[in-house]
């Protein structure tokens, strides 16, 4: 399966919230995925979207796009299925406009039951479009327990405050806690970690995501909220994944699970009730640790790798149902077995060859890690070995990956 991910390179490099890009990176490790769009090499904004896509030599099964209407208005000229992914959808007018004018037919919601703009309400508005729910996940290589970081805070308020949206006060509980947190002093160490901003030219390095994960690790309890829409924001995964305990209200999605490890506070409680509820856990380390363990275990189901699996399952199901599968798929391992080729014997050597010849920078990967595209030398070697090839002529723009791989054959 080949996915084209269209996103202005400006957003990819500078947008502070990295969760949408972490999930795309995870998807790219489980299928063939092409990053492209305005400001990427080769894109010609004067040509229109459809003409740019026509230049791609590979056959595309699905286009996933971020901010489509910023790129142009010729989406109806594209015959490849188009997918949009949404976090908040409370701006009904804009969301509907974007869905219609982008000619999208598969919509992925990361929030299912928001008070304003639920998935089911959109299904009723657009019965011919497929809407599916895949919950927010977090990048485990960034958001994890770091035991080298001291617990500097008993209580830490995290996330944006003072934000006004179409719904009015968007984070009412956070705004309230911004001043209330001072009442926990001096017995408890408290802190506030405000959102640093929305655009930085080095955001793509994950520098700020890593800093945020370190801040979460430095606190026993992190206060956040689900906002006016009652959303299952990414912080509801990131905080327990870092081994801290959430104090906040319960989102509409997966509420039964959250009640098992979230210290529930809400706007209906008095200041005294909120303070009493939080300090009850701080004064009882065993009770607090029980919530920490439950949250950590729950968060294991919401890594970006598992998001990628869910996304590809829903995408393939949609393509099959709508008869838009553009070519047959075969499992390489089945073909290898047919040729009596054991790829594991070549795994170490071909991994080294790929690492030295496939040199495009990918900061989401560890050194020596294989991704989509690296199956090529295994396939070529399997065929050459089966037909006992003695000569090879490689044509391409690469760095001789196939030739180096076949040089391992005695013949």
Protein backbone atom coordinates (compact mmCIF):
# COMPACT_ATOMS: atom_id res chain seq x y z
CA UNK A 1 0.00 0.00 0.00
CA UNK A 2 1.33 3.43 -0.97
CA UNK A 3 0.16 6.58 0.81
CA UNK A 4 0.86 10.14 -0.30
CA UNK A 5 1.00 12.51 2.67
CA UNK A 6 0.42 16.09 1.53
CA UNK A 7 1.45 18.77 3.99
CA UNK A 8 3.14 22.13 3.55
CA UNK A 9 6.75 21.65 4.61
CA UNK A 10 6.44 24.82 6.69
CA UNK A 11 3.95 23.10 9.00
CA UNK A 12 5.98 19.89 9.07
CA UNK A 13 9.11 21.74 10.19
CA UNK A 14 7.70 24.45 12.46
CA UNK A 15 4.42 23.29 14.03
CA UNK A 16 4.91 22.75 17.75
CA UNK A 17 2.30 20.03 18.15
CA UNK A 18 4.09 17.00 16.69
CA UNK A 19 1.47 14.32 17.36
CA UNK A 20 0.09 14.32 13.79
CA UNK A 21 3.61 13.96 12.37
CA UNK A 22 4.65 11.28 14.85
CA UNK A 23 1.66 9.20 13.73
CA UNK A 24 2.52 9.71 10.05
CA UNK A 25 6.13 8.69 10.74
CA UNK A 26 4.83 5.53 12.41
CA UNK A 27 2.60 4.79 9.41
CA UNK A 28 5.61 5.26 7.09
CA UNK A 29 7.36 2.38 8.85
CA UNK A 30 4.50 0.01 8.07
CA UNK A 31 3.82 0.91 4.43
CA UNK A 32 5.27 2.93 1.59
CA UNK A 33 4.60 6.60 2.37
CA UNK A 34 5.63 9.69 0.43
CA UNK A 35 5.91 13.13 2.06
CA UNK A 36 5.10 15.95 -0.34
CA UNK A 37 3.33 19.24 -0.79
CA UNK A 38 4.09 22.98 -0.96
CA UNK A 39 7.70 23.92 -0.16
CA UNK A 40 8.93 20.33 -0.56
CA UNK A 41 11.46 19.71 -3.32
CA UNK A 42 9.78 19.21 -6.69
CA UNK A 43 6.40 20.74 -5.81
CA UNK A 44 5.23 23.42 -8.24
CA UNK A 45 2.49 25.55 -6.69
CA UNK A 46 1.66 27.19 -10.04
CA UNK A 47 0.59 23.84 -11.53
CA UNK A 48 -2.26 23.00 -9.17
CA UNK A 49 -2.59 19.97 -6.92
CA UNK A 50 -3.77 17.44 -9.51
CA UNK A 51 -0.92 18.18 -11.94
CA UNK A 52 1.65 17.87 -9.17
CA UNK A 53 0.26 14.47 -8.17
CA UNK A 54 0.34 13.32 -11.80
CA UNK A 55 4.13 13.76 -11.75
CA UNK A 56 4.51 10.99 -9.17
CA UNK A 57 5.64 7.81 -10.90
CA UNK A 58 4.41 5.50 -8.15
CA UNK A 59 0.79 4.37 -8.04
CA UNK A 60 -0.89 6.00 -5.04
CA UNK A 61 -3.62 4.17 -3.12
CA UNK A 62 -4.60 6.91 -0.67
CA UNK A 63 -3.86 10.60 -0.17
CA UNK A 64 -3.75 11.86 3.42
CA UNK A 65 -3.73 15.65 3.54
CA UNK A 66 -3.27 18.35 6.15
CA UNK A 67 -4.85 21.78 5.50
CA UNK A 68 -5.97 20.95 1.94
CA UNK A 69 -7.66 24.26 1.15
CA UNK A 70 -4.38 26.12 1.73
CA UNK A 71 -2.88 24.20 -1.22
CA UNK A 72 -5.48 24.89 -3.90
CA UNK A 73 -9.03 24.26 -5.05
CA UNK A 74 -8.75 21.55 -7.74
CA UNK A 75 -9.31 18.55 -5.45
CA UNK A 76 -12.26 17.41 -7.58
CA UNK A 77 -9.79 16.69 -10.41
CA UNK A 78 -8.13 13.94 -8.36
CA UNK A 79 -9.44 10.39 -8.70
CA UNK A 80 -7.40 8.93 -5.81
CA UNK A 81 -9.28 8.60 -2.47
CA UNK A 82 -8.55 11.48 -0.10
CA UNK A 83 -8.38 11.19 3.68
CA UNK A 84 -8.55 13.94 6.31
CA UNK A 85 -7.67 13.47 9.99
CA UNK A 86 -9.21 15.66 12.68
CA UNK A 87 -8.62 16.50 16.29
CA UNK A 88 -11.22 19.06 17.37
CA UNK A 89 -14.20 19.54 15.04
CA UNK A 90 -16.24 22.06 17.03
CA UNK A 91 -15.98 24.64 14.24
CA UNK A 92 -18.78 23.00 12.26
CA UNK A 93 -18.91 25.50 9.43
CA UNK A 94 -15.19 25.31 8.66
CA UNK A 95 -14.97 21.52 9.07
CA UNK A 96 -17.87 20.94 6.70
CA UNK A 97 -16.36 23.35 4.16
CA UNK A 98 -12.99 21.57 4.31
CA UNK A 99 -14.53 18.10 3.93
CA UNK A 100 -16.66 19.11 0.93
CA UNK A 101 -14.15 21.27 -0.94
CA UNK A 102 -11.26 18.80 -0.48
CA UNK A 103 -13.35 16.01 -2.06
CA UNK A 104 -12.48 13.77 0.90
CA UNK A 105 -14.17 10.40 1.26
CA UNK A 106 -12.43 8.97 4.34
CA UNK A 107 -12.36 11.00 7.56
CA UNK A 108 -10.47 9.90 10.67
CA UNK A 109 -11.57 11.45 13.98
CA UNK A 110 -9.14 11.41 16.91
CA UNK A 111 -12.02 12.41 19.22
CA UNK A 112 -15.25 10.44 18.96
CA UNK A 113 -17.76 11.97 21.36
CA UNK A 114 -16.83 15.63 21.73
CA UNK A 115 -19.67 17.73 23.10
CA UNK A 116 -19.43 19.95 20.00
CA UNK A 117 -18.94 18.08 16.73
CA UNK A 118 -19.14 14.36 17.54
CA UNK A 119 -18.27 11.71 14.98
CA UNK A 120 -21.87 10.49 14.85
CA UNK A 121 -23.19 13.98 14.14
CA UNK A 122 -20.89 14.23 11.10
CA UNK A 123 -21.94 10.78 9.89
CA UNK A 124 -25.53 12.03 9.84
CA UNK A 125 -24.51 15.16 7.92
CA UNK A 126 -22.47 13.22 5.34
CA UNK A 127 -23.95 9.71 4.98
CA UNK A 128 -21.93 8.95 1.82
CA UNK A 129 -18.58 9.67 3.47
CA UNK A 130 -16.79 7.16 5.69
CA UNK A 131 -16.01 8.41 9.22
CA UNK A 132 -13.88 6.31 11.58
CA UNK A 133 -12.48 6.83 15.08
CA UNK A 134 -8.83 6.23 15.94
CA UNK A 135 -7.92 7.70 19.34
CA UNK A 136 -4.96 9.95 20.03
CA UNK A 137 -1.70 8.15 20.69
CA UNK A 138 1.78 9.24 21.79
CA UNK A 139 5.34 8.62 20.63
CA UNK A 140 6.83 6.18 23.15
CA UNK A 141 10.44 7.05 22.23
CA UNK A 142 9.73 10.55 23.61
CA UNK A 143 6.96 10.06 26.15
CA UNK A 144 8.23 7.43 28.56
CA UNK A 145 9.31 7.05 32.17
CA UNK A 146 12.72 8.62 32.78
CA UNK A 147 13.95 7.55 36.20
CA UNK A 148 16.99 9.84 35.93
CA UNK A 149 14.71 12.89 36.37
CA UNK A 150 13.97 13.94 39.94
CA UNK A 151 10.39 14.65 41.00
CA UNK A 152 10.77 18.40 41.47
CA UNK A 153 7.04 19.04 41.70
CA UNK A 154 4.21 17.52 43.63
CA UNK A 155 1.73 19.25 41.33
CA UNK A 156 2.30 20.72 37.88
CA UNK A 157 -0.24 22.53 35.69
CA UNK A 158 0.43 21.75 32.01
CA UNK A 159 -0.92 23.10 28.75
CA UNK A 160 -2.36 26.27 27.31
CA UNK A 161 -4.38 28.60 29.54
CA UNK A 162 -6.43 31.72 28.83
CA UNK A 163 -7.41 30.54 25.35
CA UNK A 164 -10.66 31.76 23.80
CA UNK A 165 -12.26 29.83 20.93
CA UNK A 166 -15.65 29.74 19.21
CA UNK A 167 -16.85 27.92 22.32
CA UNK A 168 -15.73 30.75 24.58
CA UNK A 169 -13.37 29.88 27.42
CA UNK A 170 -11.70 26.79 25.94
CA UNK A 171 -9.89 25.41 28.99
CA UNK A 172 -12.04 26.47 31.96
CA UNK A 173 -10.58 24.05 34.52
CA UNK A 174 -6.98 24.86 33.60
CA UNK A 175 -7.74 28.59 33.81
CA UNK A 176 -9.22 28.11 37.25
CA UNK A 177 -6.30 25.98 38.45
CA UNK A 178 -3.82 28.59 37.25
CA UNK A 179 -4.56 30.66 40.34
CA UNK A 180 -5.82 27.89 42.63
CA UNK A 181 -2.54 25.99 42.41
CA UNK A 182 -0.89 28.65 44.58
CA UNK A 183 -3.06 27.54 47.52
CA UNK A 184 -1.17 24.23 47.72
CA UNK A 185 1.93 26.12 48.91
CA UNK A 186 4.02 25.94 51.02
CA UNK A 187 3.41 22.31 51.96
CA UNK A 188 3.62 21.11 48.37
CA UNK A 189 5.97 22.04 45.54
CA UNK A 190 3.91 23.34 42.64
CA UNK A 191 4.70 24.63 39.17
CA UNK A 192 3.16 25.79 35.89
CA UNK A 193 4.36 24.61 32.49
CA UNK A 194 2.73 26.92 29.93
CA UNK A 195 2.55 26.12 26.24
CA UNK A 196 5.68 27.75 24.75
CA UNK A 197 4.12 28.80 21.42
CA UNK A 198 2.77 27.31 18.21
CA UNK A 199 5.62 27.79 15.71
CA UNK A 200 9.39 27.27 15.98
CA UNK A 201 11.73 26.64 13.06
CA UNK A 202 13.35 23.70 14.86
CA UNK A 203 10.12 22.04 16.02
CA UNK A 204 10.78 19.17 13.58
CA UNK A 205 13.71 18.04 15.76
CA UNK A 206 11.24 17.10 18.54
CA UNK A 207 13.27 19.28 20.89
CA UNK A 208 10.18 20.80 22.51
CA UNK A 209 8.30 17.51 22.71
CA UNK A 210 11.27 16.00 24.55
CA UNK A 211 11.42 19.00 26.88
CA UNK A 212 7.72 18.60 27.63
CA UNK A 213 8.17 14.89 28.36
CA UNK A 214 10.97 15.75 30.78
CA UNK A 215 8.73 18.30 32.53
CA UNK A 216 5.97 15.70 32.93
CA UNK A 217 8.52 13.26 34.36
CA UNK A 218 9.50 15.88 36.94
CA UNK A 219 6.05 15.92 38.58
CA UNK A 220 4.05 13.43 40.63
CA UNK A 221 0.72 14.88 39.48
CA UNK A 222 -0.04 16.85 36.30
CA UNK A 223 -3.19 18.96 36.14
CA UNK A 224 -4.92 19.28 32.77
CA UNK A 225 -8.48 19.24 31.42
CA UNK A 226 -10.58 18.10 28.48
CA UNK A 227 -11.61 21.64 27.59
CA UNK A 228 -15.01 22.94 26.58
CA UNK A 229 -15.53 20.07 24.05
CA UNK A 230 -14.71 17.40 26.70
CA UNK A 231 -11.97 16.07 24.42
CA UNK A 232 -9.60 13.17 24.97
CA UNK A 233 -6.58 15.36 24.23
CA UNK A 234 -3.13 13.91 23.63
CA UNK A 235 -2.06 14.93 27.14
CA UNK A 236 -4.39 12.27 28.52
CA UNK A 237 -2.01 9.73 26.95
CA UNK A 238 1.32 11.55 27.27
CA UNK A 239 1.05 12.17 31.02
CA UNK A 240 0.43 8.56 32.15
CA UNK A 241 2.95 7.33 29.55
CA UNK A 242 5.60 9.38 31.40
CA UNK A 243 4.62 7.84 34.73
CA UNK A 244 2.86 10.89 36.14
CA UNK A 245 -0.75 10.92 37.37
CA UNK A 246 -3.43 13.11 35.78
CA UNK A 247 -5.62 15.36 37.89
CA UNK A 248 -8.41 16.65 35.68
CA UNK A 249 -11.93 16.14 34.45
CA UNK A 250 -13.01 13.00 32.58
CA UNK A 251 -13.22 13.26 28.75
CA UNK A 252 -16.25 11.93 26.92
CA UNK A 253 -14.18 9.25 25.16
CA UNK A 254 -13.13 6.12 27.10
CA UNK A 255 -14.45 7.68 30.30
CA UNK A 256 -14.71 4.36 32.18
CA UNK A 257 -10.99 3.73 31.69
CA UNK A 258 -9.98 7.23 32.76
CA UNK A 259 -11.96 6.95 35.99
CA UNK A 260 -9.63 4.12 37.02
CA UNK A 261 -6.45 6.23 37.05
CA UNK A 262 -7.36 9.93 36.81
CA UNK A 263 -7.76 12.02 39.98
CA UNK A 264 -11.10 13.48 38.98
CA UNK A 265 -11.63 17.19 39.57
CA UNK A 266 -14.14 19.36 37.75
CA UNK A 267 -15.77 22.77 37.59
CA UNK A 268 -18.69 21.66 39.77
CA UNK A 269 -16.36 21.19 42.76
CA UNK A 270 -15.49 23.93 45.24
CA UNK A 271 -11.88 25.06 45.63
CA UNK A 272 -11.72 23.22 48.95
CA UNK A 273 -13.01 19.99 47.38
CA UNK A 274 -10.41 20.17 44.60
CA UNK A 275 -7.57 20.81 47.04
CA UNK A 276 -8.75 18.02 49.32
CA UNK A 277 -9.05 15.55 46.45
CA UNK A 278 -5.54 16.16 45.13
CA UNK A 279 -3.83 16.24 48.52
CA UNK A 280 -5.57 12.98 49.44
CA UNK A 281 -3.40 11.26 46.85
CA UNK A 282 -0.23 13.19 47.62
CA UNK A 283 -0.54 12.23 51.29
CA UNK A 284 -1.09 8.59 50.38
CA UNK A 285 1.88 7.50 48.18
CA UNK A 286 0.55 3.96 47.83
CA UNK A 287 -2.77 5.21 46.47
CA UNK A 288 -0.99 7.61 44.11
CA UNK A 289 1.35 4.88 42.87
CA UNK A 290 -1.60 2.61 42.20
CA UNK A 291 -3.03 5.23 39.82
CA UNK A 292 0.42 5.73 38.26
CA UNK A 293 0.77 2.02 37.48
CA UNK A 294 -2.76 1.72 36.07
CA UNK A 295 -2.27 4.76 33.84
CA UNK A 296 1.10 3.55 32.61
CA UNK A 297 -0.33 0.14 31.72
CA UNK A 298 -3.34 1.69 29.93
CA UNK A 299 -1.09 3.99 27.87
CA UNK A 300 0.74 1.02 26.32
CA UNK A 301 -2.24 0.53 24.03
CA UNK A 302 -1.85 4.02 22.59
CA UNK A 303 1.62 4.16 21.07
CA UNK A 304 2.05 5.58 17.59
CA UNK A 305 2.95 2.10 16.30
CA UNK A 306 -0.50 0.90 17.36
CA UNK A 307 -2.08 4.02 15.87
CA UNK A 308 -0.41 3.13 12.56
CA UNK A 309 -1.81 -0.41 12.70
CA UNK A 310 -5.31 0.94 13.35
CA UNK A 311 -5.00 3.55 10.64
CA UNK A 312 -3.86 1.06 8.01
CA UNK A 313 -6.60 -1.39 9.01
CA UNK A 314 -9.28 1.28 8.57
CA UNK A 315 -7.74 2.52 5.31
CA UNK A 316 -7.52 -0.94 3.75
CA UNK A 317 -11.05 -1.74 4.91
CA UNK A 318 -12.30 1.46 3.29
CA UNK A 319 -10.42 0.84 0.03
CA UNK A 320 -11.67 -2.75 -0.18
CA UNK A 321 -15.26 -1.77 0.55
CA UNK A 322 -15.22 0.95 -2.06
CA UNK A 323 -13.36 -1.11 -4.68
CA UNK A 324 -10.60 1.46 -4.89
CA UNK A 325 -7.72 -0.94 -4.43
CA UNK A 326 -5.41 -0.04 -7.29
CA UNK A 327 -3.32 -3.22 -7.43
CA UNK A 328 -3.04 -6.64 -5.80
CA UNK A 329 -0.95 -7.06 -2.67
CA UNK A 330 1.33 -9.96 -1.89
CA UNK A 331 3.30 -10.71 1.24
CA UNK A 332 7.02 -10.81 0.51
CA UNK A 333 7.55 -13.53 3.08
CA UNK A 334 5.15 -15.80 1.14
CA UNK A 335 7.11 -15.15 -2.04
CA UNK A 336 10.41 -15.78 -0.24
CA UNK A 337 9.08 -19.10 1.00
CA UNK A 338 8.07 -20.00 -2.55
CA UNK A 339 11.65 -19.34 -3.69
CA UNK A 340 13.14 -21.12 -0.64
CA UNK A 341 14.88 -17.89 0.32
CA UNK A 342 15.67 -17.27 4.00
CA UNK A 343 15.89 -13.49 4.33
CA UNK A 344 17.03 -13.76 7.97
CA UNK A 345 20.42 -15.08 6.85
CA UNK A 346 21.03 -11.82 4.97
CA UNK A 347 19.38 -9.53 7.51
CA UNK A 348 22.55 -8.19 9.15
CA UNK A 349 24.51 -7.63 5.95
CA UNK A 350 21.64 -6.12 3.97
CA UNK A 351 20.73 -3.87 6.90
CA UNK A 352 24.29 -2.50 6.81
CA UNK A 353 24.08 -2.03 3.04
CA UNK A 354 20.76 -0.16 3.36
CA UNK A 355 22.16 2.00 6.15
CA UNK A 356 25.13 3.02 3.97
CA UNK A 357 23.30 3.48 0.66
CA UNK A 358 19.80 4.70 1.57
CA UNK A 359 21.00 7.96 3.05
CA UNK A 360 17.91 10.20 3.18
CA UNK A 361 17.75 11.69 6.68
CA UNK A 362 14.93 10.39 8.88
CA UNK A 363 15.14 11.66 12.45
CA UNK A 364 12.29 9.41 13.57
CA UNK A 365 14.42 6.28 13.10
CA UNK A 366 17.24 4.68 15.03
CA UNK A 367 20.51 3.81 13.33
CA UNK A 368 20.26 0.52 11.47
CA UNK A 369 16.45 0.43 11.56
CA UNK A 370 14.75 -0.74 8.35
CA UNK A 371 11.70 1.00 6.90
CA UNK A 372 9.49 0.76 3.80
CA UNK A 373 11.74 0.72 0.72
CA UNK A 374 14.41 -1.44 2.32
CA UNK A 375 12.66 -4.61 1.16
CA UNK A 376 14.05 -4.02 -2.35
CA UNK A 377 17.53 -5.59 -1.85
CA UNK A 378 15.98 -8.67 -0.20
CA UNK A 379 13.59 -9.13 -3.11
CA UNK A 380 16.30 -8.66 -5.76
CA UNK A 381 18.64 -11.04 -3.96
CA UNK A 382 15.90 -13.67 -3.59
CA UNK A 383 15.17 -13.58 -7.33
CA UNK A 384 18.86 -13.59 -8.33
CA UNK A 385 19.56 -16.47 -6.01
CA UNK A 386 16.60 -18.46 -7.38
CA UNK A 387 17.56 -18.05 -11.05
CA UNK A 388 21.29 -18.35 -10.28
CA UNK A 389 21.98 -14.99 -11.92
CA UNK A 390 25.56 -14.26 -12.96
CA UNK A 391 25.18 -10.69 -14.21
CA UNK A 392 23.13 -7.69 -13.11
CA UNK A 393 22.58 -4.29 -14.64
CA UNK A 394 21.06 -1.72 -12.30
CA UNK A 395 19.37 1.42 -13.61
CA UNK A 396 18.21 4.09 -11.18
CA UNK A 397 18.98 7.22 -9.24
CA UNK A 398 20.07 5.45 -6.08
CA UNK A 399 23.47 4.53 -4.76
CA UNK A 400 23.77 0.97 -5.97
CA UNK A 401 21.85 -0.72 -3.18
CA UNK A 402 20.82 -3.67 -5.36
CA UNK A 403 24.32 -4.11 -6.81
CA UNK A 404 25.93 -4.16 -3.40
CA UNK A 405 23.34 -6.68 -2.22
CA UNK A 406 23.90 -8.98 -5.18
CA UNK A 407 27.67 -8.76 -4.69
CA UNK A 408 27.11 -11.06 -1.71
CA UNK A 409 26.22 -13.86 -4.16
CA UNK A 410 29.16 -16.05 -5.23
CA UNK A 411 27.74 -16.40 -8.73
